[in-house]
Protein backbone atom coordinates (compact mmCIF):
# COMPACT_ATOMS: atom_id res chain seq x y z
CA MET A 1 11.12 -1.11 13.98
CA SER A 2 12.52 1.45 11.54
CA SER A 3 14.95 0.75 8.73
CA ARG A 4 18.65 1.44 9.02
CA ASN A 5 20.87 4.05 7.46
CA PRO A 6 21.85 2.44 4.12
CA THR A 7 25.46 3.64 4.26
CA GLU A 8 26.01 2.18 7.73
CA LEU A 9 24.34 -1.08 6.76
CA ARG A 10 26.43 -1.38 3.59
CA ASP A 11 29.66 -0.80 5.52
CA GLU A 12 28.67 -3.39 8.12
CA LEU A 13 27.84 -5.98 5.47
CA ARG A 14 31.20 -5.45 3.79
CA GLU A 15 32.96 -6.29 7.05
CA ILE A 16 31.03 -9.54 7.53
CA ALA A 17 32.84 -12.69 6.44
CA TYR A 18 30.42 -15.58 6.57
CA GLU A 19 31.94 -18.75 8.03
CA GLY A 20 28.85 -20.94 8.39
CA ASP A 21 27.82 -23.87 6.23
CA GLU A 22 26.40 -23.48 2.75
CA GLU A 23 23.04 -25.05 3.61
CA THR A 24 22.34 -22.39 6.22
CA LEU A 25 23.31 -19.74 3.69
CA LEU A 26 20.78 -21.11 1.22
CA GLU A 27 18.06 -21.16 3.88
CA LEU A 28 18.81 -17.55 4.81
CA ARG A 29 18.61 -16.45 1.17
CA GLU A 30 15.29 -18.25 0.73
CA GLU A 31 13.94 -16.55 3.83
CA ALA A 32 15.16 -13.20 2.51
CA ARG A 33 13.42 -13.81 -0.82
CA GLU A 34 10.13 -14.56 0.96
CA THR A 35 10.53 -11.35 2.96
CA VAL A 36 10.96 -9.32 -0.23
CA ASP A 37 7.87 -10.99 -1.71
CA ALA A 38 5.87 -10.07 1.42
CA GLN A 39 7.12 -6.48 1.22
CA ARG A 40 6.08 -6.33 -2.41
CA ASP A 41 2.59 -7.61 -1.57
CA THR A 42 2.26 -5.03 1.23
CA LEU A 43 3.25 -2.15 -1.02
CA ASN A 44 0.99 -3.38 -3.81
CA ASP A 45 -1.89 -3.47 -1.31
CA ILE A 46 -1.14 0.12 -0.26
CA ASP A 47 -0.99 1.22 -3.90
CA THR A 48 -4.28 -0.52 -4.67
CA LYS A 49 -6.07 1.17 -1.77
CA ALA A 50 -4.58 4.56 -2.64
CA SER A 51 -5.62 4.28 -6.30
CA ARG A 52 -9.18 3.25 -5.33
CA ILE A 53 -9.49 6.19 -2.94
CA LEU A 54 -8.09 8.49 -5.62
CA ARG A 55 -10.71 7.32 -8.13
CA LEU A 56 -13.45 7.63 -5.51
CA ASN A 57 -12.41 11.16 -4.63
CA ILE A 58 -12.29 12.20 -8.27
CA ALA A 59 -15.80 10.80 -8.71
CA LEU A 60 -17.03 12.69 -5.62
CA ILE A 61 -15.46 15.92 -6.84
CA GLY A 62 -17.16 15.40 -10.21
CA ILE A 63 -20.51 14.90 -8.46
CA LEU A 64 -20.00 18.04 -6.36
CA VAL A 65 -19.17 20.10 -9.43
CA SER A 66 -22.24 18.73 -11.23
CA VAL A 67 -24.53 19.46 -8.27
CA LEU A 68 -23.11 22.97 -7.97
CA SER A 69 -23.59 23.57 -11.69
CA ILE A 70 -27.19 22.32 -11.60
CA GLY A 71 -27.93 24.31 -8.45
CA THR A 72 -26.72 27.57 -9.93
CA GLN A 73 -28.93 27.00 -12.97
CA LEU A 74 -32.06 26.63 -10.89
CA SER A 75 -33.99 29.78 -10.28
CA ASP A 76 -36.67 30.67 -7.80
CA ASP A 77 -39.40 33.21 -8.24
CA SER A 78 -36.93 36.08 -7.88
CA GLY A 79 -34.72 34.66 -10.58
CA SER A 80 -31.70 34.11 -8.34
CA GLY A 81 -29.79 31.01 -9.33
CA LEU A 82 -27.87 30.80 -6.03
CA THR A 83 -30.87 30.61 -3.72
CA ALA A 84 -31.25 26.85 -4.17
CA ILE A 85 -27.79 26.03 -2.87
CA GLU A 86 -27.17 28.87 -0.40
CA PRO A 87 -28.39 26.87 2.66
CA PHE A 88 -25.83 24.20 1.91
CA VAL A 89 -22.91 26.59 1.61
CA ASN A 90 -21.73 26.58 5.20
CA ILE A 91 -18.65 25.90 7.30
CA TYR A 92 -19.30 22.15 7.35
CA THR A 93 -19.46 21.74 3.59
CA GLY A 94 -16.42 23.98 3.34
CA LEU A 95 -14.51 21.69 5.69
CA GLY A 96 -15.77 18.71 3.71
CA VAL A 97 -14.48 20.12 0.42
CA GLY A 98 -11.13 20.93 2.01
CA ALA A 99 -10.79 17.45 3.52
CA LEU A 100 -11.78 15.86 0.21
CA LEU A 101 -9.17 17.85 -1.71
CA PHE A 102 -6.43 17.05 0.81
CA SER A 103 -7.46 13.39 0.77
CA THR A 104 -7.12 13.37 -3.00
CA ALA A 105 -3.68 14.95 -2.76
CA PHE A 106 -2.49 12.43 -0.16
CA ALA A 107 -3.89 9.52 -2.18
CA ALA A 108 -1.96 10.69 -5.23
CA LEU A 109 1.17 11.19 -3.12
CA THR A 110 0.86 7.70 -1.62
CA TYR A 111 0.49 6.14 -5.05
CA THR A 112 3.36 8.04 -6.69
CA ALA A 113 5.78 7.69 -3.74
CA SER A 114 5.96 3.91 -4.05
CA GLU A 115 9.35 2.63 -5.20
CA LEU A 116 10.05 -1.04 -4.58
CA ASP A 117 13.39 -2.80 -5.01
CA VAL A 118 12.52 -6.37 -6.05
CA GLY A 119 15.69 -7.70 -7.67
CA ILE A 120 19.40 -7.29 -8.19
CA SER A 121 20.50 -5.03 -11.02
CA SER A 122 22.11 -6.12 -14.27
CA ASP A 123 25.36 -4.50 -13.11
CA ASN A 124 25.39 -6.71 -10.01
CA LEU A 125 24.86 -9.82 -12.10
CA THR A 126 27.59 -8.78 -14.52
CA GLN A 127 30.05 -8.29 -11.66
CA LEU A 128 29.16 -11.67 -10.18
CA LEU A 129 29.80 -13.39 -13.51
CA ARG A 130 33.11 -11.64 -14.05
CA ALA A 131 34.36 -12.34 -10.51
CA ASP A 132 34.07 -16.11 -10.98
CA PHE A 133 32.97 -16.66 -7.38
CA SER A 134 32.29 -20.04 -5.86
CA GLN A 135 28.68 -20.93 -5.15
CA GLU A 136 29.05 -20.11 -1.46
CA GLU A 137 30.66 -16.74 -2.19
CA ALA A 138 27.96 -15.90 -4.71
CA GLU A 139 25.23 -16.90 -2.26
CA GLU A 140 26.81 -14.72 0.41
CA LEU A 141 26.89 -11.69 -1.90
CA LEU A 142 23.30 -12.29 -2.97
CA LEU A 143 22.23 -12.51 0.67
CA LYS A 144 23.96 -9.21 1.43
CA ASN A 145 22.17 -7.71 -1.56
CA TYR A 146 18.89 -8.99 -0.14
CA ALA A 147 19.71 -7.31 3.17
CA MET A 148 20.09 -3.93 1.43
CA ARG A 149 16.93 -4.52 -0.58
CA ILE A 150 14.86 -5.49 2.47
CA ASN A 151 16.10 -2.42 4.32
CA PHE A 152 15.10 -0.14 1.42
CA ASN A 153 11.67 -1.73 1.01
CA ARG A 154 11.03 -1.56 4.75
CA SER A 155 11.70 2.18 4.64
CA ILE A 156 9.29 2.69 1.73
CA ASN A 157 6.52 0.77 3.49
CA ILE A 158 7.10 2.57 6.80
CA ARG A 159 6.76 5.96 5.10
CA ASN A 160 3.77 5.02 2.92
CA ILE A 161 1.58 3.55 5.67
CA PRO A 162 0.91 6.88 7.48
CA LEU A 163 0.27 8.58 4.12
CA LEU A 164 -2.49 6.06 3.41
CA GLN A 165 -3.86 6.41 6.94
CA VAL A 166 -4.02 10.21 6.60
CA THR A 167 -5.82 9.74 3.28
CA ILE A 168 -8.45 7.52 4.90
CA VAL A 169 -8.89 9.82 7.91
CA LEU A 170 -9.41 12.78 5.57
CA ILE A 171 -11.98 11.00 3.41
CA VAL A 172 -13.92 9.95 6.52
CA SER A 173 -13.74 13.53 7.80
CA ALA A 174 -14.97 14.81 4.44
CA ILE A 175 -17.98 12.47 4.43
CA VAL A 176 -18.90 13.38 8.01
CA SER A 177 -18.54 17.09 7.26
CA PHE A 178 -20.77 16.83 4.19
CA VAL A 179 -23.44 15.06 6.27
CA LEU A 180 -23.33 17.87 8.85
CA GLY A 181 -23.44 20.42 6.04
CA ILE A 182 -26.55 18.83 4.58
CA TYR A 183 -28.11 18.72 8.06
CA ALA A 184 -27.39 22.43 8.52
CA GLY A 185 -28.88 23.20 5.11
CA LEU A 186 -32.07 21.22 5.67
CA VAL A 187 -32.73 21.58 9.40
CA GLY A 188 -30.70 24.54 10.58
CA GLN A 189 -27.94 25.04 13.10
CA VAL A 190 -26.14 21.84 14.06
CA PRO A 191 -26.57 21.06 17.80
CA VAL A 192 -23.50 21.31 19.98
CA TRP A 193 -23.87 17.70 21.09
CA LEU A 194 -23.86 16.52 17.48
CA SER A 195 -20.76 18.55 16.65
CA GLY A 196 -19.05 17.22 19.76
CA ALA A 197 -20.02 13.65 18.96
CA THR A 198 -18.66 14.07 15.45
CA LEU A 199 -15.32 15.38 16.72
CA ALA A 200 -15.14 12.52 19.21
CA LEU A 201 -15.89 10.04 16.42
CA ILE A 202 -13.13 11.40 14.19
CA GLY A 203 -10.71 11.60 17.14
CA GLY A 204 -11.46 8.01 18.10
CA PHE A 205 -10.97 6.92 14.51
CA VAL A 206 -7.56 8.63 14.42
CA LEU A 207 -6.50 6.91 17.66
CA THR A 208 -7.69 3.45 16.65
CA SER A 209 -6.24 3.72 13.14
CA GLY A 210 -2.70 3.80 14.53
CA LEU A 211 -1.90 6.99 12.64
CA ILE A 212 0.01 8.62 15.50
CA PRO A 213 2.46 5.75 16.22
CA GLN A 214 2.91 5.06 12.51
CA THR A 215 3.71 8.74 11.89
CA ARG A 216 6.29 8.70 14.69
CA ARG A 217 7.77 5.56 13.20
CA ALA A 218 8.03 7.21 9.77
CA ILE A 219 9.70 10.29 11.26
CA ARG A 220 12.27 8.11 13.03
CA ASP A 221 12.92 6.31 9.77
CA ILE A 222 13.46 9.55 7.87
CA ARG A 223 15.89 10.75 10.53
CA GLU A 224 17.78 7.45 10.36
CA TRP A 225 18.39 7.91 6.62
CA GLN A 226 19.72 11.45 7.00
């Protein structure tokens, strides 16, 4: 389920005149508050995973740079400093470096794109105080504010989930590519069956991760907000 266009939702909420009892209104607001808390926990979990992957990728990039620096300083009998690492410079390690860099970029994007709405603004509170509403009227306005907030947070979570999934898929692809690159450097040409099995493994991981349906869901959400 995608979020709704905020303008349409705001207009619909303005037309609603609640005529139920106050107790039900209080229960609805409590339920809305718990929903916002759950959305906050979900987004915090996404941010935590993205930041950990970002730190891991930065550490891996640092290790790669160190290995490359050490390798170029080694010399064989002919005095060539590149001979030691030449076998490991192949298409697989190239793909691994590319996937690692893109994974780092997506992890940073996931972390910086998070924007959660967790409470009403000071302007809203000021207007409520000046309007001198009854308790039921105030509760109704707060509940409508929760509806807008939940809709916004749902959109943020919907769009961030596929970003995190892409980040994880890329880091897995990078690790697998580096393993194949090391195999090619130590043993020689990678067998066709091993390359095929690797592609099938990554493809299966993409399918089971839910990346495709989550991406479609995010695209629908973006279109809804336009």
